[in-house]
Structures are given as structure tokens and as C-alpha cells.
Amino acid sequence: MYDAILAETVTIAGHQSDPVEAYLARPLAPGPFGGVVVIHHAPGYDPATKEMVRTFAVNGYAAICPNLYYRDAPGASPDDAAAIVRAAGGVPEDRLLGDLDGAARYLRGLTSANGKVGVIGHCSGGRQAFLAACKLRFDAAVDCYGAYVAAPPPADAPVRPRPLIGEADELSCPLLGLFGAEDKFPSPEQNAQLAAELTRLGKTFEFHEYPDAGHAFFAVDRPSYRPQAAVDGWRRIFDFFRRHLS
């Protein structure tokens, strides 16, 4: 099987048709392939997130990560861009959704696309993946320890995104949630609250909680990395997308 991939920076039409930088990786084979929109975490559009995009391509998906901080700090390092956006209170919700919708449209427009697109995010990106699955048209969504979905942030948080549990009735695609039992944001109690609401609403979802993991257990470049949880998490992600994006 031909297994080469192409990875490159492209420009997509984001919110209000704004040109937005994005990182694309796709298999160099005819397809058809499902697509995955990868939402970068609060620290920004960084090398670790781009590696995740390439990982999806290696596994047979066209994947793209829009730079959600592009307008605020074009050309800045991920750390500097993240600091600028954090000081401004975060990415505006309408702009976020417009950029994610533009990324999904870009993937659906590829000649190798099968028309199905999923979304995934970690940390703040996990919350944003849940929001996107409620407000936009996706075929599957993965929330990796997304904070502040079920409960508001603490009073001393640098940004104060609103809880999203009240919009769970709008969830329009299957959802996979991967969490650490030692995490505080979201905590196991908050995850249970969200699961109860999704069950009440009759939504299709799968939640998995890892007992020896906290926040950011997928992050190979951080002390929080937990290899066993991350390996199993990746297995569940690819199984989930195979079932819903094939």
C-alpha cells in the first residue's frame, strides 16, 4: 500500500471569508478518505499539534489544523501568540466557529475526500470540539479533557469561557470523550454530570476515564504524559473515527 503523505501550510477561508493559515496533512493516494479538523490547545498552533495532524494523515485521514490565533499575532511564536490571545480574553466564539467551518469545508473540497469530517481537540480545544459538534455539521467529535464544558472556570482563571452543557441538546454527531481521573478541569464529577445530561437527551457518546492520568496525558513533551493512557486513547480515537468517518 502506498503510504506517502504530504504536509504543508495552506490558506483557508475562515470566519467572514478571512484568509487563515492552516496546517494540512493528507495521504498521497487516491482515497477516498475521511477528514479530521484538529483544534490546537490553548498554548497555540505549535509543533506538537502539527505532529498530531501528520499522525492522522499517516493513518489514512486528511487532517487540518487552522491557526486560531493567526489574526491576533501573524508570524508570532506559539507562546507569544497564546499570550496575546489570553490577554484579550480568548478567541471570540463566532470567529472560532467560522474558522472551524472553513477548515471542514476545505477538507470536503479535496478531490480525495469521502465527504465525512470529524473534529478533535485537547484541553481548550476539547471544549471547542464539543461546541463545534453542537453548532456546526460534523460526522464525529472527540473531546480530550475539554475544560469548562459542564462547569464554569474558577474565579481566578485567566479566561472565562461559558459552560456548554446547556447546549448539549444541539449535539448533532457521535461524541467520544477521553479524560483523566486525576484531572480537576474537567473533574470526574463534571464528566459524570455531562454524561448524565447526554444520556437524558438520548445522545450517542462514549466516555473513558483513565485512573492514573491527569490533564494533558496525551502531551508527549510534558511531565503530564501518561504513555499507557495515551496509547489506549489513540486506539480509541482511530476506532471511533473508523466507525464514523469511513
Protein backbone atom coordinates (compact mmCIF):
# COMPACT_ATOMS: atom_id res chain seq x y z
CA MET A 1 0.00 0.00 0.00
CA TYR A 2 1.30 3.44 -0.98
CA ASP A 3 1.86 5.22 2.34
CA ALA A 4 3.40 8.61 1.49
CA ILE A 5 1.84 11.76 2.93
CA LEU A 6 2.01 15.45 2.07
CA ALA A 7 2.16 18.00 4.88
CA GLU A 8 2.16 21.73 4.21
CA THR A 9 0.89 25.14 5.28
CA VAL A 10 -2.17 26.29 3.35
CA THR A 11 -4.57 29.21 3.49
CA ILE A 12 -8.25 28.59 4.10
CA ALA A 13 -11.28 30.89 4.04
CA GLY A 14 -12.24 31.26 7.69
CA HIS A 15 -14.80 33.37 9.51
CA GLN A 16 -16.29 36.03 7.20
CA SER A 17 -14.02 34.65 4.44
CA ASP A 18 -10.89 35.88 6.22
CA PRO A 19 -7.70 34.23 4.96
CA VAL A 20 -6.43 31.97 7.77
CA GLU A 21 -3.21 30.00 7.96
CA ALA A 22 -3.70 26.26 8.48
CA TYR A 23 -1.55 23.14 8.58
CA LEU A 24 -2.70 20.34 6.29
CA ALA A 25 -1.52 16.73 6.06
CA ARG A 26 -3.05 14.12 3.76
CA PRO A 27 -2.24 10.73 2.27
CA LEU A 28 -0.78 10.80 -1.24
CA ALA A 29 -3.18 8.18 -2.53
CA PRO A 30 -6.47 8.42 -4.46
CA GLY A 31 -8.73 7.81 -1.45
CA PRO A 32 -11.47 8.40 -0.72
CA PHE A 33 -10.50 9.49 2.78
CA GLY A 34 -12.37 10.91 5.75
CA GLY A 35 -11.27 14.27 7.12
CA VAL A 36 -10.34 15.47 10.61
CA VAL A 37 -10.25 19.07 11.84
CA VAL A 38 -7.68 19.28 14.64
CA ILE A 39 -8.16 22.16 17.11
CA HIS A 40 -4.95 23.30 18.73
CA HIS A 41 -4.79 23.71 22.51
CA ALA A 42 -4.51 27.00 24.43
CA PRO A 43 -0.68 27.09 24.10
CA GLY A 44 -1.26 27.58 20.40
CA TYR A 45 -0.54 26.37 16.91
CA ASP A 46 2.58 24.51 17.91
CA PRO A 47 4.82 21.65 16.69
CA ALA A 48 3.10 19.10 18.95
CA THR A 49 -0.28 19.85 17.37
CA LYS A 50 1.17 19.68 13.87
CA GLU A 51 2.59 16.26 14.72
CA MET A 52 -0.96 15.15 15.59
CA VAL A 53 -2.13 16.37 12.18
CA ARG A 54 0.57 14.26 10.49
CA THR A 55 -0.39 11.27 12.65
CA PHE A 56 -3.91 11.37 11.24
CA ALA A 57 -2.54 11.51 7.69
CA VAL A 58 -0.29 8.50 8.31
CA ASN A 59 -3.38 6.65 9.46
CA GLY A 60 -5.42 7.42 6.37
CA TYR A 61 -7.16 10.75 7.03
CA ALA A 62 -6.87 14.19 5.53
CA ALA A 63 -6.32 16.42 8.55
CA ILE A 64 -6.10 20.16 9.02
CA CYS A 65 -5.41 22.50 11.94
CA PRO A 66 -6.38 26.15 11.48
CA ASN A 67 -4.27 28.69 13.33
CA LEU A 68 -6.96 30.23 15.53
CA TYR A 69 -4.54 32.97 16.64
CA TYR A 70 -3.48 33.96 13.12
CA ARG A 71 -5.28 37.32 13.04
CA ASP A 72 -4.10 38.30 16.51
CA ALA A 73 -0.41 37.55 16.07
CA PRO A 74 0.59 36.63 12.49
CA GLY A 75 4.12 35.28 12.38
CA ALA A 76 4.48 35.19 16.18
CA SER A 77 5.77 32.16 18.05
CA PRO A 78 3.08 29.90 19.55
CA ASP A 79 3.94 31.11 23.07
CA ASP A 80 3.74 34.80 22.13
CA ALA A 81 0.54 34.34 20.14
CA ALA A 82 -1.08 32.43 23.01
CA ALA A 83 -0.14 35.17 25.48
CA ILE A 84 -1.65 37.86 23.24
CA VAL A 85 -4.90 35.94 22.81
CA ARG A 86 -5.10 35.07 26.52
CA ALA A 87 -4.68 38.75 27.44
CA ALA A 88 -7.54 39.59 25.07
CA GLY A 89 -9.85 37.09 26.77
CA GLY A 90 -9.58 34.24 24.27
CA VAL A 91 -10.82 33.64 20.74
CA PRO A 92 -14.32 35.04 20.07
CA GLU A 93 -16.81 32.20 19.72
CA ASP A 94 -18.27 33.28 16.37
CA ARG A 95 -14.81 33.63 14.88
CA LEU A 96 -13.77 30.23 16.23
CA LEU A 97 -16.80 28.53 14.69
CA GLY A 98 -16.30 30.34 11.38
CA ASP A 99 -12.68 29.18 11.17
CA LEU A 100 -13.55 25.58 12.07
CA ASP A 101 -16.34 25.57 9.49
CA GLY A 102 -13.90 26.89 6.90
CA ALA A 103 -11.44 24.11 7.77
CA ALA A 104 -14.17 21.47 7.38
CA ARG A 105 -15.22 22.94 4.02
CA TYR A 106 -11.60 22.84 2.86
CA LEU A 107 -11.39 19.13 3.68
CA ARG A 108 -14.68 18.33 1.99
CA GLY A 109 -13.43 20.12 -1.12
CA LEU A 110 -10.37 17.89 -1.57
CA THR A 111 -10.59 15.56 -4.57
CA SER A 112 -9.73 12.60 -2.31
CA ALA A 113 -12.48 13.39 0.24
CA ASN A 114 -15.30 10.98 1.05
CA GLY A 115 -17.44 13.82 2.40
CA LYS A 116 -17.22 12.91 6.08
CA VAL A 117 -15.34 15.12 8.54
CA GLY A 118 -14.68 14.76 12.27
CA VAL A 119 -13.33 17.24 14.79
CA ILE A 120 -10.95 16.71 17.72
CA GLY A 121 -9.39 18.93 20.35
CA HIS A 122 -7.42 18.72 23.58
CA CYS A 123 -7.82 20.94 26.67
CA SER A 124 -9.41 24.21 25.46
CA GLY A 125 -9.61 22.53 22.07
CA GLY A 126 -11.66 19.74 23.62
CA ARG A 127 -14.22 22.25 24.82
CA GLN A 128 -14.19 23.88 21.39
CA ALA A 129 -14.67 20.49 19.71
CA PHE A 130 -17.79 19.96 21.82
CA LEU A 131 -19.05 23.42 20.87
CA ALA A 132 -18.36 22.78 17.18
CA ALA A 133 -20.23 19.48 17.34
CA CYS A 134 -23.25 21.39 18.70
CA LYS A 135 -23.15 24.35 16.31
CA LEU A 136 -21.67 23.01 13.05
CA ARG A 137 -22.07 19.99 10.79
CA PHE A 138 -19.60 17.27 11.73
CA ASP A 139 -19.88 13.50 11.47
CA ALA A 140 -17.99 12.70 14.70
CA ALA A 141 -16.34 14.65 17.53
CA VAL A 142 -13.62 13.84 20.08
CA ASP A 143 -13.25 15.82 23.30
CA CYS A 144 -9.92 15.13 25.01
CA TYR A 145 -10.22 16.53 28.57
CA GLY A 146 -12.03 19.68 27.47
CA ALA A 147 -12.38 22.03 30.45
CA TYR A 148 -15.45 24.10 31.31
CA VAL A 149 -18.00 22.12 29.32
CA ALA A 150 -20.09 21.16 32.35
CA ALA A 151 -19.00 23.86 34.83
CA PRO A 152 -17.64 27.43 34.73
CA PRO A 153 -13.94 28.17 35.31
CA PRO A 154 -12.72 29.24 38.77
CA ALA A 155 -12.81 32.93 39.61
CA ASP A 156 -9.05 33.32 39.14
CA ALA A 157 -8.92 31.75 35.66
CA PRO A 158 -7.12 33.93 33.05
CA VAL A 159 -10.02 33.47 30.61
CA ARG A 160 -13.64 32.74 31.47
CA PRO A 161 -15.38 30.71 28.77
CA ARG A 162 -19.02 29.89 29.43
CA PRO A 163 -20.15 26.32 30.23
CA LEU A 164 -21.67 24.46 27.27
CA ILE A 165 -23.77 21.80 28.97
CA GLY A 166 -26.90 23.83 28.32
CA GLU A 167 -26.35 23.36 24.58
CA ALA A 168 -25.90 19.59 24.72
CA ASP A 169 -29.33 19.17 23.14
CA GLU A 170 -27.79 20.55 19.92
CA LEU A 171 -25.10 17.85 19.74
CA SER A 172 -25.54 16.56 16.21
CA CYS A 173 -22.98 13.76 15.90
CA PRO A 174 -21.47 10.93 17.96
CA LEU A 175 -19.07 12.10 20.67
CA LEU A 176 -16.01 10.40 22.19
CA GLY A 177 -14.69 11.80 25.47
CA LEU A 178 -11.29 10.88 26.92
CA PHE A 179 -10.47 12.08 30.43
CA GLY A 180 -8.03 11.66 33.31
CA ALA A 181 -9.40 10.66 36.70
CA GLU A 182 -6.83 12.92 38.41
CA ASP A 183 -7.85 15.98 36.39
CA LYS A 184 -9.60 18.93 38.06
CA PHE A 185 -10.70 20.74 34.89
CA PRO A 186 -12.69 18.75 33.95
CA SER A 187 -13.10 16.70 37.11
CA PRO A 188 -14.64 13.22 37.20
CA GLU A 189 -17.72 14.79 38.81
CA GLN A 190 -18.08 17.24 35.92
CA ASN A 191 -17.66 14.43 33.38
CA ALA A 192 -20.36 12.43 35.16
CA GLN A 193 -22.65 15.46 35.07
CA LEU A 194 -22.13 15.83 31.32
CA ALA A 195 -22.63 12.10 30.74
CA ALA A 196 -25.90 12.19 32.67
CA GLU A 197 -27.19 15.08 30.58
CA LEU A 198 -26.20 13.43 27.30
CA THR A 199 -27.90 10.22 28.43
CA ARG A 200 -31.04 12.15 29.34
CA LEU A 201 -31.07 13.74 25.90
CA GLY A 202 -30.57 10.39 24.14
CA LYS A 203 -27.28 11.43 22.53
CA THR A 204 -24.72 8.96 21.14
CA PHE A 205 -21.50 9.18 23.15
CA GLU A 206 -18.65 7.18 24.72
CA PHE A 207 -16.68 8.43 27.72
CA HIS A 208 -13.48 6.79 29.01
CA GLU A 209 -11.62 7.86 32.16
CA TYR A 210 -8.04 6.81 32.90
CA PRO A 211 -7.31 6.20 36.61
CA ASP A 212 -3.62 7.16 36.67
CA ALA A 213 -3.82 10.20 34.41
CA GLY A 214 -4.48 13.89 34.91
CA HIS A 215 -4.78 16.74 32.46
CA ALA A 216 -2.79 16.68 29.19
CA PHE A 217 -1.91 12.98 29.36
CA PHE A 218 -1.52 12.90 25.55
CA ALA A 219 1.23 15.57 25.63
CA VAL A 220 4.48 13.73 24.91
CA ASP A 221 6.50 16.90 25.62
CA ARG A 222 5.17 17.42 29.16
CA PRO A 223 5.58 15.73 32.55
CA SER A 224 1.83 15.03 32.46
CA TYR A 225 2.31 12.47 29.65
CA ARG A 226 0.99 9.02 30.54
CA PRO A 227 2.06 6.50 27.88
CA GLN A 228 -0.48 3.79 28.69
CA ALA A 229 -3.42 6.19 28.71
CA ALA A 230 -2.21 7.95 25.57
CA VAL A 231 -1.68 4.73 23.62
CA ASP A 232 -5.10 3.45 24.58
CA GLY A 233 -6.59 6.87 23.83
CA TRP A 234 -5.14 6.91 20.33
CA ARG A 235 -6.51 3.40 19.77
CA ARG A 236 -9.98 4.53 20.79
CA ILE A 237 -9.76 7.66 18.61
CA PHE A 238 -8.87 5.70 15.49
CA ASP A 239 -11.52 3.07 16.20
CA PHE A 240 -14.11 5.81 16.72
CA PHE A 241 -13.21 7.68 13.53
CA ARG A 242 -13.05 4.44 11.55
CA ARG A 243 -16.63 3.70 12.55
CA HIS A 244 -17.97 7.17 11.82
CA LEU A 245 -15.80 8.60 9.05
CA SER A 246 -15.20 5.62 6.76
